[in-house]
Amino acid sequence: MEDIYLDLPLRFDGSKFKSISLSKSITRIVSVIISTPKGSALSDPEFGTDQLSPDEALVEMETIKEDLAKTIRSALERNEPRLEKVSVKVQGGMKPDKTGIVPLKIIISASETATGKSFKLEKTLTEDYYRTPFPGRMG
């Protein structure tokens, strides 16, 4: 028998809660983890990702990408035990000709602990990321 994962937010239709697959359940919680600043969840102050400085110069883009990948990987390893072998890459940043910025793309790869099945999720940060504290608004 396949495990049942409840869809969030919980919605009761009068007879049952909506359920989703393991893969969709993991995708949803990963999205929540990477878009929640650490310390903002009162029930667990360690839930979420560390904020990065919104004032950090864009010339420090490689450092921003490294820090972002590190905080997301750490948060996923701590808060999502259904994933293992988590890898996080951040692409984008300043264009080679310095004429602008390519939005940052977060690429998460892992394995589902229970099944060994490959897990992959890609999220793109909008330009608001550069004007607001991490995590910005995700597309």
N, C-alpha and C. Protein backbone atom coordinates (compact mmCIF):
# COMPACT_ATOMS: atom_id res chain seq x y z
N MET A 1 0.83 -1.18 0.00
CA MET A 1 0.00 0.00 0.00
C MET A 1 0.88 1.25 0.00
N GLU A 2 0.52 2.21 -0.83
CA GLU A 2 1.29 3.44 -0.95
C GLU A 2 0.96 4.39 0.20
N ASP A 3 2.01 5.06 0.73
CA ASP A 3 1.79 6.04 1.79
C ASP A 3 0.96 7.20 1.26
N ILE A 4 0.21 7.83 2.16
CA ILE A 4 -0.62 8.96 1.80
C ILE A 4 0.01 10.22 2.39
N TYR A 5 0.13 11.25 1.56
CA TYR A 5 0.67 12.53 1.99
C TYR A 5 -0.42 13.57 1.82
N LEU A 6 -0.65 14.34 2.87
CA LEU A 6 -1.70 15.35 2.82
C LEU A 6 -1.23 16.58 2.07
N ASP A 7 -2.14 17.11 1.26
CA ASP A 7 -1.87 18.32 0.50
C ASP A 7 -1.97 19.52 1.42
N LEU A 8 -1.05 20.47 1.28
CA LEU A 8 -1.08 21.69 2.07
C LEU A 8 -1.44 22.87 1.19
N PRO A 9 -2.20 23.82 1.64
CA PRO A 9 -2.82 23.87 2.96
C PRO A 9 -3.93 22.84 3.07
N LEU A 10 -4.16 22.37 4.30
CA LEU A 10 -5.18 21.36 4.52
C LEU A 10 -6.56 21.92 4.19
N ARG A 11 -7.29 21.20 3.38
CA ARG A 11 -8.65 21.59 3.04
C ARG A 11 -9.53 20.37 3.21
N PHE A 12 -10.51 20.49 4.05
CA PHE A 12 -11.43 19.38 4.33
C PHE A 12 -12.67 19.57 3.47
N ASP A 13 -12.98 18.59 2.63
CA ASP A 13 -14.14 18.73 1.75
C ASP A 13 -15.42 18.14 2.34
N GLY A 14 -15.38 17.82 3.63
CA GLY A 14 -16.55 17.25 4.30
C GLY A 14 -16.42 15.76 4.55
N SER A 15 -15.55 15.09 3.78
CA SER A 15 -15.38 13.66 3.99
C SER A 15 -13.91 13.26 4.13
N LYS A 16 -13.00 14.05 3.53
CA LYS A 16 -11.58 13.69 3.64
C LYS A 16 -10.72 14.88 3.25
N PHE A 17 -9.43 14.79 3.60
CA PHE A 17 -8.45 15.77 3.17
C PHE A 17 -7.90 15.34 1.81
N LYS A 18 -7.54 16.30 0.98
CA LYS A 18 -6.94 16.00 -0.31
C LYS A 18 -5.55 15.41 -0.08
N SER A 19 -5.20 14.39 -0.83
CA SER A 19 -3.87 13.79 -0.70
C SER A 19 -3.09 13.96 -2.01
N ILE A 20 -1.75 13.85 -1.89
CA ILE A 20 -0.87 13.99 -3.04
C ILE A 20 0.22 12.94 -2.97
N SER A 21 1.01 12.83 -4.03
CA SER A 21 2.09 11.84 -4.07
C SER A 21 3.26 12.30 -3.19
N LEU A 22 4.14 11.36 -2.90
CA LEU A 22 5.36 11.66 -2.14
C LEU A 22 6.16 12.75 -2.82
N SER A 23 6.34 12.62 -4.12
CA SER A 23 7.14 13.58 -4.88
C SER A 23 6.55 15.00 -4.79
N LYS A 24 5.24 15.13 -4.94
CA LYS A 24 4.60 16.45 -4.85
C LYS A 24 4.67 16.99 -3.42
N SER A 25 4.54 16.11 -2.44
CA SER A 25 4.63 16.52 -1.05
C SER A 25 6.02 17.10 -0.74
N ILE A 26 7.05 16.42 -1.22
CA ILE A 26 8.42 16.90 -1.02
C ILE A 26 8.62 18.23 -1.75
N THR A 27 8.16 18.33 -2.98
CA THR A 27 8.30 19.57 -3.74
C THR A 27 7.67 20.73 -3.00
N ARG A 28 6.49 20.52 -2.44
CA ARG A 28 5.81 21.61 -1.74
C ARG A 28 6.57 22.05 -0.50
N ILE A 29 7.05 21.10 0.31
CA ILE A 29 7.74 21.49 1.54
C ILE A 29 9.11 22.10 1.22
N VAL A 30 9.77 21.62 0.17
CA VAL A 30 11.05 22.22 -0.23
C VAL A 30 10.82 23.68 -0.61
N SER A 31 9.75 23.96 -1.36
CA SER A 31 9.43 25.34 -1.73
C SER A 31 9.17 26.20 -0.49
N VAL A 32 8.51 25.62 0.50
CA VAL A 32 8.24 26.35 1.74
C VAL A 32 9.55 26.61 2.49
N ILE A 33 10.40 25.60 2.58
CA ILE A 33 11.67 25.75 3.30
C ILE A 33 12.53 26.84 2.68
N ILE A 34 12.66 26.84 1.36
CA ILE A 34 13.58 27.81 0.74
C ILE A 34 12.98 29.21 0.67
N SER A 35 11.69 29.35 0.91
CA SER A 35 11.10 30.69 0.89
C SER A 35 10.74 31.21 2.28
N THR A 36 11.17 30.48 3.33
CA THR A 36 10.91 30.90 4.70
C THR A 36 12.21 31.34 5.36
N PRO A 37 12.30 32.61 5.76
CA PRO A 37 13.51 33.06 6.46
C PRO A 37 13.64 32.35 7.82
N LYS A 38 14.83 31.86 8.12
CA LYS A 38 15.09 31.21 9.40
C LYS A 38 14.72 32.17 10.53
N GLY A 39 14.01 31.66 11.53
CA GLY A 39 13.60 32.46 12.67
C GLY A 39 12.19 33.01 12.56
N SER A 40 11.57 32.89 11.38
CA SER A 40 10.23 33.45 11.22
C SER A 40 9.12 32.45 11.57
N ALA A 41 9.43 31.17 11.68
CA ALA A 41 8.45 30.16 12.09
C ALA A 41 8.53 30.02 13.61
N LEU A 42 7.53 30.52 14.31
CA LEU A 42 7.58 30.53 15.77
C LEU A 42 7.65 29.13 16.38
N SER A 43 7.06 28.15 15.71
CA SER A 43 7.07 26.79 16.25
C SER A 43 8.44 26.12 16.16
N ASP A 44 9.30 26.60 15.25
CA ASP A 44 10.64 26.06 15.08
C ASP A 44 11.55 27.16 14.56
N PRO A 45 12.25 27.86 15.44
CA PRO A 45 13.11 28.98 15.01
C PRO A 45 14.22 28.58 14.04
N GLU A 46 14.55 27.29 13.96
CA GLU A 46 15.60 26.83 13.04
C GLU A 46 15.05 26.46 11.67
N PHE A 47 13.72 26.49 11.48
CA PHE A 47 13.12 26.15 10.20
C PHE A 47 13.38 27.25 9.18
N GLY A 48 13.71 26.89 7.96
CA GLY A 48 13.91 27.86 6.89
C GLY A 48 15.37 28.08 6.57
N THR A 49 15.63 29.14 5.83
CA THR A 49 16.97 29.44 5.36
C THR A 49 17.48 30.75 5.96
N ASP A 50 18.80 30.83 6.14
CA ASP A 50 19.41 32.06 6.62
C ASP A 50 19.19 33.17 5.61
N GLN A 51 18.99 34.38 6.11
CA GLN A 51 18.84 35.51 5.21
C GLN A 51 20.22 35.99 4.78
N LEU A 52 20.28 36.42 3.55
CA LEU A 52 21.50 37.03 3.04
C LEU A 52 21.31 38.54 3.04
N SER A 53 22.38 39.26 3.16
CA SER A 53 22.30 40.71 3.24
C SER A 53 21.76 41.31 1.95
N PRO A 54 20.69 42.12 2.04
CA PRO A 54 20.16 42.75 0.83
C PRO A 54 21.06 43.86 0.32
N ASP A 55 22.02 44.28 1.13
CA ASP A 55 22.91 45.38 0.75
C ASP A 55 24.22 44.90 0.12
N GLU A 56 24.39 43.59 0.03
CA GLU A 56 25.64 43.06 -0.53
C GLU A 56 25.76 43.49 -2.00
N ALA A 57 26.89 44.01 -2.35
CA ALA A 57 27.10 44.52 -3.71
C ALA A 57 26.96 43.40 -4.74
N LEU A 58 26.37 43.76 -5.87
CA LEU A 58 26.19 42.76 -6.92
C LEU A 58 27.51 42.27 -7.48
N VAL A 59 28.59 43.02 -7.27
CA VAL A 59 29.90 42.55 -7.72
C VAL A 59 30.32 41.32 -6.90
N GLU A 60 29.65 41.10 -5.79
CA GLU A 60 29.92 39.93 -4.96
C GLU A 60 28.98 38.77 -5.32
N MET A 61 28.51 38.75 -6.58
CA MET A 61 27.51 37.78 -7.01
C MET A 61 27.93 36.33 -6.77
N GLU A 62 29.20 36.01 -7.02
CA GLU A 62 29.65 34.63 -6.81
C GLU A 62 29.53 34.24 -5.34
N THR A 63 29.85 35.17 -4.44
CA THR A 63 29.70 34.91 -3.01
C THR A 63 28.24 34.75 -2.65
N ILE A 64 27.38 35.60 -3.21
CA ILE A 64 25.94 35.50 -2.96
C ILE A 64 25.44 34.12 -3.39
N LYS A 65 25.85 33.67 -4.57
CA LYS A 65 25.40 32.37 -5.08
C LYS A 65 25.90 31.23 -4.20
N GLU A 66 27.15 31.30 -3.76
CA GLU A 66 27.71 30.26 -2.88
C GLU A 66 26.97 30.23 -1.54
N ASP A 67 26.74 31.41 -0.95
CA ASP A 67 26.05 31.49 0.34
C ASP A 67 24.61 30.99 0.22
N LEU A 68 23.96 31.36 -0.87
CA LEU A 68 22.58 30.94 -1.10
C LEU A 68 22.50 29.42 -1.23
N ALA A 69 23.38 28.83 -2.02
CA ALA A 69 23.40 27.37 -2.18
C ALA A 69 23.66 26.67 -0.85
N LYS A 70 24.59 27.21 -0.08
CA LYS A 70 24.95 26.61 1.22
C LYS A 70 23.79 26.65 2.21
N THR A 71 23.12 27.81 2.33
CA THR A 71 22.03 27.92 3.29
C THR A 71 20.83 27.05 2.90
N ILE A 72 20.56 26.95 1.60
CA ILE A 72 19.45 26.10 1.15
C ILE A 72 19.76 24.64 1.41
N ARG A 73 20.97 24.21 1.06
CA ARG A 73 21.35 22.80 1.29
C ARG A 73 21.27 22.45 2.78
N SER A 74 21.79 23.31 3.61
CA SER A 74 21.76 23.10 5.06
C SER A 74 20.33 23.01 5.58
N ALA A 75 19.46 23.91 5.11
CA ALA A 75 18.07 23.92 5.56
C ALA A 75 17.34 22.65 5.10
N LEU A 76 17.61 22.20 3.90
CA LEU A 76 16.96 20.98 3.42
C LEU A 76 17.44 19.75 4.18
N GLU A 77 18.74 19.68 4.44
CA GLU A 77 19.27 18.54 5.19
C GLU A 77 18.69 18.49 6.60
N ARG A 78 18.43 19.64 7.19
CA ARG A 78 17.89 19.69 8.54
C ARG A 78 16.38 19.44 8.57
N ASN A 79 15.66 20.01 7.61
CA ASN A 79 14.20 20.05 7.69
C ASN A 79 13.44 19.08 6.78
N GLU A 80 14.11 18.41 5.87
CA GLU A 80 13.41 17.48 4.98
C GLU A 80 14.12 16.13 4.97
N PRO A 81 13.78 15.27 5.97
CA PRO A 81 14.45 13.97 6.08
C PRO A 81 14.07 12.99 4.97
N ARG A 82 13.09 13.33 4.14
CA ARG A 82 12.71 12.44 3.05
C ARG A 82 13.65 12.58 1.85
N LEU A 83 14.62 13.49 1.96
CA LEU A 83 15.63 13.66 0.91
C LEU A 83 17.01 13.34 1.46
N GLU A 84 17.86 12.76 0.59
CA GLU A 84 19.25 12.51 0.93
C GLU A 84 20.12 12.88 -0.27
N LYS A 85 21.41 12.98 -0.04
CA LYS A 85 22.36 13.35 -1.09
C LYS A 85 21.93 14.66 -1.78
N VAL A 86 21.62 15.66 -0.96
CA VAL A 86 21.13 16.93 -1.47
C VAL A 86 22.27 17.74 -2.10
N SER A 87 22.01 18.24 -3.30
CA SER A 87 22.95 19.10 -4.01
C SER A 87 22.19 20.35 -4.44
N VAL A 88 22.79 21.52 -4.22
CA VAL A 88 22.15 22.78 -4.60
C VAL A 88 23.12 23.58 -5.45
N LYS A 89 22.66 24.01 -6.61
CA LYS A 89 23.45 24.87 -7.49
C LYS A 89 22.65 26.14 -7.72
N VAL A 90 23.35 27.25 -7.82
CA VAL A 90 22.71 28.53 -8.14
C VAL A 90 23.38 29.07 -9.39
N GLN A 91 22.57 29.33 -10.41
CA GLN A 91 23.06 29.86 -11.68
C GLN A 91 22.52 31.26 -11.90
N GLY A 92 23.13 31.98 -12.82
CA GLY A 92 22.67 33.33 -13.15
C GLY A 92 23.58 34.37 -12.56
N GLY A 93 23.12 35.60 -12.53
CA GLY A 93 23.91 36.70 -12.00
C GLY A 93 24.27 37.69 -13.09
N MET A 94 25.37 38.36 -12.91
CA MET A 94 25.80 39.38 -13.87
C MET A 94 26.04 38.76 -15.24
N LYS A 95 25.56 39.45 -16.27
CA LYS A 95 25.84 39.01 -17.64
C LYS A 95 27.33 39.21 -17.91
N PRO A 96 27.92 38.37 -18.77
CA PRO A 96 29.35 38.49 -19.06
C PRO A 96 29.77 39.88 -19.54
N ASP A 97 28.87 40.56 -20.25
CA ASP A 97 29.21 41.90 -20.75
C ASP A 97 28.83 43.01 -19.77
N LYS A 98 28.40 42.62 -18.56
CA LYS A 98 28.06 43.56 -17.48
C LYS A 98 26.90 44.51 -17.82
N THR A 99 26.04 44.10 -18.78
CA THR A 99 24.92 44.96 -19.17
C THR A 99 23.66 44.69 -18.36
N GLY A 100 23.71 43.81 -17.43
CA GLY A 100 22.52 43.52 -16.64
C GLY A 100 22.68 42.24 -15.85
N ILE A 101 21.56 41.77 -15.33
CA ILE A 101 21.57 40.60 -14.46
C ILE A 101 20.62 39.54 -15.01
N VAL A 102 21.11 38.31 -15.06
CA VAL A 102 20.27 37.16 -15.39
C VAL A 102 19.71 36.69 -14.05
N PRO A 103 18.36 36.52 -13.94
CA PRO A 103 17.79 36.08 -12.66
C PRO A 103 18.46 34.80 -12.16
N LEU A 104 18.63 34.74 -10.85
CA LEU A 104 19.23 33.55 -10.25
C LEU A 104 18.27 32.37 -10.34
N LYS A 105 18.81 31.22 -10.69
CA LYS A 105 18.03 29.99 -10.75
C LYS A 105 18.61 29.03 -9.73
N ILE A 106 17.77 28.50 -8.86
CA ILE A 106 18.17 27.52 -7.85
C ILE A 106 17.83 26.14 -8.39
N ILE A 107 18.82 25.27 -8.44
CA ILE A 107 18.61 23.91 -8.93
C ILE A 107 18.94 22.94 -7.79
N ILE A 108 17.93 22.21 -7.36
CA ILE A 108 18.08 21.27 -6.25
C ILE A 108 17.96 19.86 -6.79
N SER A 109 18.95 19.03 -6.49
CA SER A 109 18.94 17.62 -6.87
C SER A 109 19.15 16.81 -5.60
N ALA A 110 18.45 15.68 -5.52
CA ALA A 110 18.57 14.79 -4.36
C ALA A 110 17.99 13.44 -4.71
N SER A 111 17.96 12.57 -3.72
CA SER A 111 17.29 11.27 -3.85
C SER A 111 16.24 11.18 -2.76
N GLU A 112 15.09 10.60 -3.11
CA GLU A 112 14.07 10.36 -2.09
C GLU A 112 14.58 9.23 -1.20
N THR A 113 14.61 9.46 0.10
CA THR A 113 15.16 8.49 1.04
C THR A 113 14.43 7.15 0.96
N ALA A 114 13.11 7.17 0.92
CA ALA A 114 12.32 5.94 0.97
C ALA A 114 12.40 5.12 -0.30
N THR A 115 12.51 5.78 -1.45
CA THR A 115 12.43 5.06 -2.73
C THR A 115 13.74 5.06 -3.51
N GLY A 116 14.66 5.98 -3.20
CA GLY A 116 15.88 6.12 -3.97
C GLY A 116 15.65 6.85 -5.28
N LYS A 117 14.42 7.23 -5.54
CA LYS A 117 14.05 7.92 -6.77
C LYS A 117 14.69 9.30 -6.81
N SER A 118 15.09 9.71 -7.99
CA SER A 118 15.73 11.01 -8.19
C SER A 118 14.71 12.14 -7.99
N PHE A 119 15.16 13.20 -7.31
CA PHE A 119 14.32 14.38 -7.07
C PHE A 119 15.04 15.59 -7.64
N LYS A 120 14.31 16.43 -8.38
CA LYS A 120 14.90 17.65 -8.93
C LYS A 120 13.86 18.76 -8.89
N LEU A 121 14.32 19.94 -8.49
CA LEU A 121 13.44 21.10 -8.44
C LEU A 121 14.23 22.32 -8.87
N GLU A 122 13.63 23.13 -9.73
CA GLU A 122 14.25 24.38 -10.17
C GLU A 122 13.34 25.54 -9.83
N LYS A 123 13.90 26.58 -9.23
CA LYS A 123 13.16 27.79 -8.88
C LYS A 123 13.96 28.99 -9.37
N THR A 124 13.29 29.99 -9.90
CA THR A 124 13.94 31.20 -10.37
C THR A 124 13.56 32.36 -9.47
N LEU A 125 14.55 33.10 -9.02
CA LEU A 125 14.31 34.30 -8.22
C LEU A 125 14.02 35.46 -9.16
N THR A 126 13.03 36.25 -8.81
CA THR A 126 12.70 37.42 -9.63
C THR A 126 13.66 38.55 -9.30
N GLU A 127 13.57 39.65 -10.04
CA GLU A 127 14.44 40.80 -9.80
C GLU A 127 14.23 41.37 -8.40
N ASP A 128 13.06 41.14 -7.80
CA ASP A 128 12.80 41.64 -6.45
C ASP A 128 13.81 41.10 -5.45
N TYR A 129 14.43 39.96 -5.78
CA TYR A 129 15.43 39.39 -4.89
C TYR A 129 16.53 40.40 -4.59
N TYR A 130 16.89 41.20 -5.57
CA TYR A 130 18.00 42.13 -5.41
C TYR A 130 17.61 43.37 -4.61
N ARG A 131 16.31 43.58 -4.39
CA ARG A 131 15.85 44.75 -3.66
C ARG A 131 15.28 44.42 -2.29
N THR A 132 15.07 43.14 -2.01
CA THR A 132 14.47 42.74 -0.75
C THR A 132 15.36 41.72 -0.06
N PRO A 133 15.20 41.57 1.27
CA PRO A 133 16.00 40.54 1.96
C PRO A 133 15.70 39.16 1.41
N PHE A 134 16.70 38.27 1.49
CA PHE A 134 16.50 36.88 1.10
C PHE A 134 15.30 36.34 1.84
N PRO A 135 14.42 35.54 1.28
CA PRO A 135 14.61 34.86 0.03
C PRO A 135 14.03 35.56 -1.18
N GLY A 136 13.50 36.74 -1.04
CA GLY A 136 12.92 37.39 -2.20
C GLY A 136 11.64 36.70 -2.62
N ARG A 137 11.14 37.07 -3.74
CA ARG A 137 9.94 36.42 -4.26
C ARG A 137 10.34 35.40 -5.29
N MET A 138 9.81 34.23 -5.20
CA MET A 138 10.21 33.16 -6.10
C MET A 138 9.16 32.95 -7.17
N GLY A 139 9.63 32.69 -8.40
CA GLY A 139 8.73 32.45 -9.52
C GLY A 139 8.54 30.99 -9.77
